[in-house]
Each structure stands twice: as C-alpha cells, then as structure tokens.
C-alpha cells in the first residue's frame, strides 16, 4: 500500500499529534540534522567563499565560478552519497562531504558575482584616493557585495538542510530517520517529521535573511527600498 493510499484528511491532525507527543525525540533528530548541515556548510564556506571573493576581485575565472553552480545543481544527492560511500564509508563523514559539495556551487558563484559586479567607477575612485587592493576589497567591494554574497550562503544552507534528510539512508541520522521508516512511525510520523523539516528550512531561511538585512549597508537598503517603491508606482 502506497502513502497516497494511506493518506486521509485526518492524517495532518495525526501528524500534529505525533509532533506534540514526541517533542523531545524530534528535537534530538533536528539537532542531528543541524549538526550535519552546519558542518557541511562550514566546509563549503571555508573552501568556496575565499575563492569566489578573490576571483571576483581579480575579475577572473567567471566560467569556473558560474560552472561550479551548474555542476552542483546537476549532481544528484544520492549519487554523491553513494560515491563517497566507497571511500569514506557509512555515517556522518560521508554525508557531510557529499552535502558540502552541493553547497559549494551557490556560495562560490554568488561570491564571485557579488564582488565582480561592484561598480567599477567606485573601485577606481577608491584607488584614486590611495586605497590598496586589500582596502578596496574590505571597504568597498565586500560591503557592497554582501547582500548577493549572503544570498548564496542562504540558498546553500536551505538546500543542505532540506537535502540532509536523505542522509538517513546512509546512517546520517536526523529527521530522515523517521521519514524513511514508515513501518515504525506510520504515516503520521513520516508526515510529522516532514513538517519539521519544512519548518526547520523556513527558520534557517528567515534567520539568514535577517542576517543579510543587518549586513547590508544602510544606504544600500534605502536605495533598494526606493527602487521597489518606484517600481510599484510604475505598476500602478
């Protein structure tokens, strides 16, 4: 019998009851998923962020930076886990590396585009004032490129958090342990854990969106709001 055959309108209510009755258990699984996702994002940030920023600052390697995102999206998560399984074995390490590979693409691409896309006139004006390349990067390019750069981090983080669910098939733990084990937790457990994954992904998205807003220079935020206001008036 398939999940569709078992589904009934009251299944959502049962799923909510499952969540309410297993808060501690689901919280533990959520922490496992966050631990795996956080480790994967940390590796991806350490590898992709500096590389993307440097390439963007030098205005070189666009094909590599943009191609990384395309390749990352094209690689199926299960295939990556299967490939690393033969090298790293079953468990946390294998899943962490596979998820890090998925996260590298959007972080690298957005970091490159964010820094490379900073107005050249501003950069040249800063250099004319006597700023070094390091000062231009730190005081001009990074602050102005922060919104787009953090967008890449946000996309990567939400992708990893949601995808980490399938790590359960390879001993990765997390909420996927419930989702893939319908025999033990029944349909209400599968749906309840799925709702938890959705809520977790949304929470990560909103948290990083708030961080992006804080990291965006005040003048740039004002300019963006003005552009949105003008666009709305044109639509009216």
C-alpha atoms as a PDB file:
ATOM      1  CA  UNK A   1       0.000   0.000   0.000  1.00  0.00           C
ATOM      2  CA  UNK A   2       1.415   3.402  -1.017  1.00  0.00           C
ATOM      3  CA  UNK A   3       1.488   6.586   1.029  1.00  0.00           C
ATOM      4  CA  UNK A   4      -1.247   8.015  -1.187  1.00  0.00           C
ATOM      5  CA  UNK A   5      -3.495   5.043  -0.403  1.00  0.00           C
ATOM      6  CA  UNK A   6      -2.997   5.520   3.336  1.00  0.00           C
ATOM      7  CA  UNK A   7      -3.495   9.276   3.320  1.00  0.00           C
ATOM      8  CA  UNK A   8      -6.703  10.619   4.840  1.00  0.00           C
ATOM      9  CA  UNK A   9      -7.781  14.199   5.644  1.00  0.00           C
ATOM     10  CA  UNK A  10      -7.251  13.466   9.317  1.00  0.00           C
ATOM     11  CA  UNK A  11      -3.654  12.437   8.726  1.00  0.00           C
ATOM     12  CA  UNK A  12      -2.473  16.036   9.185  1.00  0.00           C
ATOM     13  CA  UNK A  13      -4.144  16.138  12.596  1.00  0.00           C
ATOM     14  CA  UNK A  14      -2.488  12.844  13.493  1.00  0.00           C
ATOM     15  CA  UNK A  15       0.848  14.228  12.315  1.00  0.00           C
ATOM     16  CA  UNK A  16       0.439  17.233  14.613  1.00  0.00           C
ATOM     17  CA  UNK A  17      -0.407  14.872  17.480  1.00  0.00           C
ATOM     18  CA  UNK A  18       2.735  12.876  16.675  1.00  0.00           C
ATOM     19  CA  UNK A  19       4.828  16.052  16.853  1.00  0.00           C
ATOM     20  CA  UNK A  20       3.207  17.137  20.122  1.00  0.00           C
ATOM     21  CA  UNK A  21       3.722  13.701  21.658  1.00  0.00           C
ATOM     22  CA  UNK A  22       7.353  13.307  20.578  1.00  0.00           C
ATOM     23  CA  UNK A  23       8.812  16.787  21.034  1.00  0.00           C
ATOM     24  CA  UNK A  24      11.993  15.619  22.736  1.00  0.00           C
ATOM     25  CA  UNK A  25      12.632  12.861  20.206  1.00  0.00           C
ATOM     26  CA  UNK A  26      12.058  15.156  17.210  1.00  0.00           C
ATOM     27  CA  UNK A  27      14.153  17.907  18.795  1.00  0.00           C
ATOM     28  CA  UNK A  28      17.038  15.449  19.092  1.00  0.00           C
ATOM     29  CA  UNK A  29      16.683  14.446  15.449  1.00  0.00           C
ATOM     30  CA  UNK A  30      16.510  18.113  14.466  1.00  0.00           C
ATOM     31  CA  UNK A  31      19.773  18.812  16.299  1.00  0.00           C
ATOM     32  CA  UNK A  32      21.385  15.879  14.477  1.00  0.00           C
ATOM     33  CA  UNK A  33      20.267  17.339  11.161  1.00  0.00           C
ATOM     34  CA  UNK A  34      21.511  20.813  12.102  1.00  0.00           C
ATOM     35  CA  UNK A  35      24.869  19.377  13.210  1.00  0.00           C
ATOM     36  CA  UNK A  36      25.345  17.603   9.875  1.00  0.00           C
ATOM     37  CA  UNK A  37      24.138  20.612   7.882  1.00  0.00           C
ATOM     38  CA  UNK A  38      26.257  23.065   9.862  1.00  0.00           C
ATOM     39  CA  UNK A  39      29.424  21.022   9.369  1.00  0.00           C
ATOM     40  CA  UNK A  40      28.750  20.766   5.628  1.00  0.00           C
ATOM     41  CA  UNK A  41      28.088  24.496   5.267  1.00  0.00           C
ATOM     42  CA  UNK A  42      31.228  25.303   7.275  1.00  0.00           C
ATOM     43  CA  UNK A  43      33.377  23.241   4.912  1.00  0.00           C
ATOM     44  CA  UNK A  44      31.733  24.792   1.849  1.00  0.00           C
ATOM     45  CA  UNK A  45      32.233  28.308   3.233  1.00  0.00           C
ATOM     46  CA  UNK A  46      35.877  27.662   4.038  1.00  0.00           C
ATOM     47  CA  UNK A  47      36.557  26.420   0.503  1.00  0.00           C
ATOM     48  CA  UNK A  48      34.233  28.409  -1.743  1.00  0.00           C
ATOM     49  CA  UNK A  49      33.858  31.821  -0.110  1.00  0.00           C
ATOM     50  CA  UNK A  50      37.521  32.954  -0.199  1.00  0.00           C
ATOM     51  CA  UNK A  51      37.950  31.568  -3.712  1.00  0.00           C
ATOM     52  CA  UNK A  52      34.847  33.326  -5.019  1.00  0.00           C
ATOM     53  CA  UNK A  53      35.814  36.626  -3.395  1.00  0.00           C
ATOM     54  CA  UNK A  54      39.373  36.504  -4.785  1.00  0.00           C
ATOM     55  CA  UNK A  55      38.216  35.569  -8.295  1.00  0.00           C
ATOM     56  CA  UNK A  56      35.606  38.322  -8.217  1.00  0.00           C
ATOM     57  CA  UNK A  57      38.159  40.870  -7.025  1.00  0.00           C
ATOM     58  CA  UNK A  58      40.544  39.877  -9.821  1.00  0.00           C
ATOM     59  CA  UNK A  59      37.692  39.673 -12.376  1.00  0.00           C
ATOM     60  CA  UNK A  60      38.915  36.276 -13.500  1.00  0.00           C
ATOM     61  CA  UNK A  61      37.541  32.730 -13.629  1.00  0.00           C
ATOM     62  CA  UNK A  62      33.917  33.533 -14.420  1.00  0.00           C
ATOM     63  CA  UNK A  63      33.421  30.270 -16.331  1.00  0.00           C
ATOM     64  CA  UNK A  64      34.747  28.257 -13.390  1.00  0.00           C
ATOM     65  CA  UNK A  65      32.780  30.157 -10.751  1.00  0.00           C
ATOM     66  CA  UNK A  66      29.466  30.017 -12.610  1.00  0.00           C
ATOM     67  CA  UNK A  67      30.038  26.472 -13.868  1.00  0.00           C
ATOM     68  CA  UNK A  68      30.508  25.251 -10.306  1.00  0.00           C
ATOM     69  CA  UNK A  69      26.913  26.165  -9.505  1.00  0.00           C
ATOM     70  CA  UNK A  70      25.606  24.430 -12.622  1.00  0.00           C
ATOM     71  CA  UNK A  71      27.544  21.256 -11.864  1.00  0.00           C
ATOM     72  CA  UNK A  72      26.462  21.318  -8.228  1.00  0.00           C
ATOM     73  CA  UNK A  73      22.796  21.509  -9.158  1.00  0.00           C
ATOM     74  CA  UNK A  74      23.157  18.751 -11.744  1.00  0.00           C
ATOM     75  CA  UNK A  75      24.676  16.227  -9.326  1.00  0.00           C
ATOM     76  CA  UNK A  76      22.044  14.039  -7.623  1.00  0.00           C
ATOM     77  CA  UNK A  77      22.489  13.959  -3.866  1.00  0.00           C
ATOM     78  CA  UNK A  78      22.076  10.194  -3.607  1.00  0.00           C
ATOM     79  CA  UNK A  79      24.736   9.653  -6.256  1.00  0.00           C
ATOM     80  CA  UNK A  80      27.192  11.806  -4.313  1.00  0.00           C
ATOM     81  CA  UNK A  81      26.466   9.898  -1.117  1.00  0.00           C
ATOM     82  CA  UNK A  82      26.937   6.626  -2.991  1.00  0.00           C
ATOM     83  CA  UNK A  83      30.250   7.749  -4.499  1.00  0.00           C
ATOM     84  CA  UNK A  84      31.689   8.892  -1.181  1.00  0.00           C
ATOM     85  CA  UNK A  85      30.348   5.745   0.491  1.00  0.00           C
ATOM     86  CA  UNK A  86      33.008   3.693  -1.278  1.00  0.00           C
ATOM     87  CA  UNK A  87      35.756   5.972   0.047  1.00  0.00           C
ATOM     88  CA  UNK A  88      34.564   7.282   3.399  1.00  0.00           C
ATOM     89  CA  UNK A  89      32.198   4.525   4.485  1.00  0.00           C
ATOM     90  CA  UNK A  90      28.796   4.792   6.155  1.00  0.00           C
ATOM     91  CA  UNK A  91      27.993   7.595   8.564  1.00  0.00           C
ATOM     92  CA  UNK A  92      28.478  11.255   9.347  1.00  0.00           C
ATOM     93  CA  UNK A  93      31.687  11.937   7.391  1.00  0.00           C
ATOM     94  CA  UNK A  94      30.395  10.592   4.087  1.00  0.00           C
ATOM     95  CA  UNK A  95      27.186  12.605   4.257  1.00  0.00           C
ATOM     96  CA  UNK A  96      28.995  15.743   5.413  1.00  0.00           C
ATOM     97  CA  UNK A  97      31.349  15.714   2.414  1.00  0.00           C
ATOM     98  CA  UNK A  98      28.538  14.971  -0.058  1.00  0.00           C
ATOM     99  CA  UNK A  99      26.399  17.840   1.270  1.00  0.00           C
ATOM    100  CA  UNK A 100      29.409  20.181   1.281  1.00  0.00           C
ATOM    101  CA  UNK A 101      29.886  19.503  -2.439  1.00  0.00           C
ATOM    102  CA  UNK A 102      26.258  20.538  -3.027  1.00  0.00           C
ATOM    103  CA  UNK A 103      26.761  23.759  -1.053  1.00  0.00           C
ATOM    104  CA  UNK A 104      29.961  24.867  -2.775  1.00  0.00           C
ATOM    105  CA  UNK A 105      28.266  25.800  -6.074  1.00  0.00           C
ATOM    106  CA  UNK A 106      25.877  28.580  -4.979  1.00  0.00           C
ATOM    107  CA  UNK A 107      28.357  30.010  -2.452  1.00  0.00           C
ATOM    108  CA  UNK A 108      31.187  30.191  -4.997  1.00  0.00           C
ATOM    109  CA  UNK A 109      29.005  31.604  -7.774  1.00  0.00           C
ATOM    110  CA  UNK A 110      27.326  34.272  -5.667  1.00  0.00           C
ATOM    111  CA  UNK A 111      30.592  35.309  -4.011  1.00  0.00           C
ATOM    112  CA  UNK A 112      32.165  35.794  -7.428  1.00  0.00           C
ATOM    113  CA  UNK A 113      29.201  37.652  -8.931  1.00  0.00           C
ATOM    114  CA  UNK A 114      28.786  39.824  -5.814  1.00  0.00           C
ATOM    115  CA  UNK A 115      32.376  41.094  -5.821  1.00  0.00           C
ATOM    116  CA  UNK A 116      32.818  41.163  -9.592  1.00  0.00           C
ATOM    117  CA  UNK A 117      29.595  43.160 -10.005  1.00  0.00           C
ATOM    118  CA  UNK A 118      30.559  46.082  -7.761  1.00  0.00           C
ATOM    119  CA  UNK A 119      30.521  49.344  -9.715  1.00  0.00           C
ATOM    120  CA  UNK A 120      33.942  49.762 -11.356  1.00  0.00           C
ATOM    121  CA  UNK A 121      33.729  53.545 -11.019  1.00  0.00           C
ATOM    122  CA  UNK A 122      33.532  53.222  -7.227  1.00  0.00           C
ATOM    123  CA  UNK A 123      36.505  50.883  -7.213  1.00  0.00           C
ATOM    124  CA  UNK A 124      38.567  53.211  -9.384  1.00  0.00           C
ATOM    125  CA  UNK A 125      37.605  56.201  -7.232  1.00  0.00           C
ATOM    126  CA  UNK A 126      38.743  54.331  -4.122  1.00  0.00           C
ATOM    127  CA  UNK A 127      42.066  53.510  -5.748  1.00  0.00           C
ATOM    128  CA  UNK A 128      42.465  57.132  -6.847  1.00  0.00           C
ATOM    129  CA  UNK A 129      42.102  58.098  -3.175  1.00  0.00           C
ATOM    130  CA  UNK A 130      45.113  55.938  -2.358  1.00  0.00           C
ATOM    131  CA  UNK A 131      43.435  52.745  -1.127  1.00  0.00           C
ATOM    132  CA  UNK A 132      45.332  49.496  -1.587  1.00  0.00           C
ATOM    133  CA  UNK A 133      43.754  46.424  -3.179  1.00  0.00           C
ATOM    134  CA  UNK A 134      43.123  44.960   0.273  1.00  0.00           C
ATOM    135  CA  UNK A 135      41.427  48.158   1.449  1.00  0.00           C
ATOM    136  CA  UNK A 136      39.297  48.320  -1.702  1.00  0.00           C
ATOM    137  CA  UNK A 137      38.167  44.754  -1.085  1.00  0.00           C
ATOM    138  CA  UNK A 138      37.476  45.269   2.622  1.00  0.00           C
ATOM    139  CA  UNK A 139      35.900  48.749   2.499  1.00  0.00           C
ATOM    140  CA  UNK A 140      34.187  48.861  -0.900  1.00  0.00           C
ATOM    141  CA  UNK A 141      33.650  45.501  -2.570  1.00  0.00           C
ATOM    142  CA  UNK A 142      32.732  43.334   0.417  1.00  0.00           C
ATOM    143  CA  UNK A 143      30.209  45.767   1.982  1.00  0.00           C
ATOM    144  CA  UNK A 144      28.513  46.448  -1.359  1.00  0.00           C
ATOM    145  CA  UNK A 145      28.612  42.799  -2.405  1.00  0.00           C
ATOM    146  CA  UNK A 146      27.404  41.464   0.956  1.00  0.00           C
ATOM    147  CA  UNK A 147      23.680  41.157   0.048  1.00  0.00           C
ATOM    148  CA  UNK A 148      24.291  38.989  -3.019  1.00  0.00           C
ATOM    149  CA  UNK A 149      27.089  37.073  -1.300  1.00  0.00           C
ATOM    150  CA  UNK A 150      24.842  36.210   1.648  1.00  0.00           C
ATOM    151  CA  UNK A 151      22.068  35.226  -0.741  1.00  0.00           C
ATOM    152  CA  UNK A 152      24.328  32.443  -1.978  1.00  0.00           C
ATOM    153  CA  UNK A 153      25.002  31.335   1.591  1.00  0.00           C
ATOM    154  CA  UNK A 154      21.280  31.347   2.322  1.00  0.00           C
ATOM    155  CA  UNK A 155      20.449  29.276  -0.767  1.00  0.00           C
ATOM    156  CA  UNK A 156      23.199  26.785   0.057  1.00  0.00           C
ATOM    157  CA  UNK A 157      22.146  26.498   3.706  1.00  0.00           C
ATOM    158  CA  UNK A 158      18.483  25.849   2.958  1.00  0.00           C
ATOM    159  CA  UNK A 159      19.397  23.360   0.219  1.00  0.00           C
ATOM    160  CA  UNK A 160      21.682  21.461   2.577  1.00  0.00           C
ATOM    161  CA  UNK A 161      19.221  21.461   5.489  1.00  0.00           C
ATOM    162  CA  UNK A 162      16.440  20.096   3.294  1.00  0.00           C
ATOM    163  CA  UNK A 163      18.668  17.611   1.455  1.00  0.00           C
ATOM    164  CA  UNK A 164      20.244  16.323   4.673  1.00  0.00           C
ATOM    165  CA  UNK A 165      17.016  14.388   5.171  1.00  0.00           C
ATOM    166  CA  UNK A 166      18.158  11.707   2.714  1.00  0.00           C
ATOM    167  CA  UNK A 167      21.351  11.199   4.710  1.00  0.00           C
ATOM    168  CA  UNK A 168      19.334   8.726   6.784  1.00  0.00           C
ATOM    169  CA  UNK A 169      19.738   6.109   4.038  1.00  0.00           C
ATOM    170  CA  UNK A 170      23.480   6.115   4.781  1.00  0.00           C
ATOM    171  CA  UNK A 171      23.490   6.380   8.548  1.00  0.00           C
ATOM    172  CA  UNK A 172      23.496  10.175   8.643  1.00  0.00           C
ATOM    173  CA  UNK A 173      20.728  10.452  11.236  1.00  0.00           C
ATOM    174  CA  UNK A 174      18.434  13.435  11.501  1.00  0.00           C
ATOM    175  CA  UNK A 175      14.737  13.728  10.772  1.00  0.00           C
ATOM    176  CA  UNK A 176      15.227  11.481   7.752  1.00  0.00           C
ATOM    177  CA  UNK A 177      15.444   8.531  10.165  1.00  0.00           C
ATOM    178  CA  UNK A 178      11.730   8.997  10.805  1.00  0.00           C
ATOM    179  CA  UNK A 179      10.756   9.792   7.226  1.00  0.00           C
ATOM    180  CA  UNK A 180      12.333   6.642   5.740  1.00  0.00           C
ATOM    181  CA  UNK A 181      10.994   4.391   8.475  1.00  0.00           C
ATOM    182  CA  UNK A 182       7.256   4.327   7.855  1.00  0.00           C
ATOM    183  CA  UNK A 183       6.990   0.806   9.245  1.00  0.00           C
ATOM    184  CA  UNK A 184       7.923   2.037  12.726  1.00  0.00           C
ATOM    185  CA  UNK A 185       6.451   5.551  12.770  1.00  0.00           C
ATOM    186  CA  UNK A 186       3.453   5.092  10.476  1.00  0.00           C
ATOM    187  CA  UNK A 187       2.262   7.730   8.034  1.00  0.00           C
ATOM    188  CA  UNK A 188       1.599  10.314  10.739  1.00  0.00           C
ATOM    189  CA  UNK A 189       5.227  10.048  11.842  1.00  0.00           C
ATOM    190  CA  UNK A 190       6.519  10.425   8.285  1.00  0.00           C
ATOM    191  CA  UNK A 191       4.325  13.468   7.714  1.00  0.00           C
ATOM    192  CA  UNK A 192       5.145  14.936  11.120  1.00  0.00           C
ATOM    193  CA  UNK A 193       8.889  14.676  10.506  1.00  0.00           C
ATOM    194  CA  UNK A 194       8.400  16.163   7.039  1.00  0.00           C
ATOM    195  CA  UNK A 195       6.610  19.147   8.558  1.00  0.00           C
ATOM    196  CA  UNK A 196       9.523  19.557  10.953  1.00  0.00           C
ATOM    197  CA  UNK A 197      11.953  19.616   8.003  1.00  0.00           C
ATOM    198  CA  UNK A 198       9.826  22.273   6.307  1.00  0.00           C
ATOM    199  CA  UNK A 199       9.721  24.364   9.479  1.00  0.00           C
ATOM    200  CA  UNK A 200      13.472  23.975  10.008  1.00  0.00           C
ATOM    201  CA  UNK A 201      14.236  25.033   6.420  1.00  0.00           C
ATOM    202  CA  UNK A 202      11.951  28.052   6.748  1.00  0.00           C
ATOM    203  CA  UNK A 203      13.581  29.036  10.053  1.00  0.00           C
ATOM    204  CA  UNK A 204      17.064  28.839   8.519  1.00  0.00           C
ATOM    205  CA  UNK A 205      15.892  30.893   5.530  1.00  0.00           C
ATOM    206  CA  UNK A 206      14.389  33.620   7.740  1.00  0.00           C
ATOM    207  CA  UNK A 207      17.381  33.710  10.102  1.00  0.00           C
ATOM    208  CA  UNK A 208      19.838  34.177   7.251  1.00  0.00           C
ATOM    209  CA  UNK A 209      17.530  36.696   5.597  1.00  0.00           C
ATOM    210  CA  UNK A 210      17.623  38.752   8.793  1.00  0.00           C
ATOM    211  CA  UNK A 211      21.417  38.428   8.873  1.00  0.00           C
ATOM    212  CA  UNK A 212      21.572  39.622   5.277  1.00  0.00           C
ATOM    213  CA  UNK A 213      19.461  42.663   6.139  1.00  0.00           C
ATOM    214  CA  UNK A 214      21.788  43.520   9.028  1.00  0.00           C
ATOM    215  CA  UNK A 215      24.882  43.086   6.849  1.00  0.00           C
ATOM    216  CA  UNK A 216      23.540  45.297   4.055  1.00  0.00           C
ATOM    217  CA  UNK A 217      24.823  48.900   4.307  1.00  0.00           C
ATOM    218  CA  UNK A 218      22.052  51.281   5.373  1.00  0.00           C
ATOM    219  CA  UNK A 219      22.400  53.442   2.266  1.00  0.00           C
ATOM    220  CA  UNK A 220      22.123  50.397   0.013  1.00  0.00           C
ATOM    221  CA  UNK A 221      18.993  49.246   1.840  1.00  0.00           C
ATOM    222  CA  UNK A 222      17.430  52.686   1.387  1.00  0.00           C
ATOM    223  CA  UNK A 223      18.268  52.671  -2.313  1.00  0.00           C
ATOM    224  CA  UNK A 224      16.725  49.222  -2.728  1.00  0.00           C
ATOM    225  CA  UNK A 225      13.525  50.287  -0.971  1.00  0.00           C
ATOM    226  CA  UNK A 226      13.355  53.385  -3.178  1.00  0.00           C
ATOM    227  CA  UNK A 227      13.733  51.265  -6.307  1.00  0.00           C
ATOM    228  CA  UNK A 228      10.973  48.916  -5.128  1.00  0.00           C
ATOM    229  CA  UNK A 229       8.726  51.906  -4.378  1.00  0.00           C
ATOM    230  CA  UNK A 230       9.325  53.392  -7.835  1.00  0.00           C
ATOM    231  CA  UNK A 231       8.647  50.010  -9.414  1.00  0.00           C
ATOM    232  CA  UNK A 232       5.372  49.715  -7.533  1.00  0.00           C
ATOM    233  CA  UNK A 233       4.269  53.175  -8.683  1.00  0.00           C
ATOM    234  CA  UNK A 234       5.053  52.252 -12.288  1.00  0.00           C
ATOM    235  CA  UNK A 235       2.963  49.090 -11.978  1.00  0.00           C
ATOM    236  CA  UNK A 236       0.041  51.139 -10.655  1.00  0.00           C
END
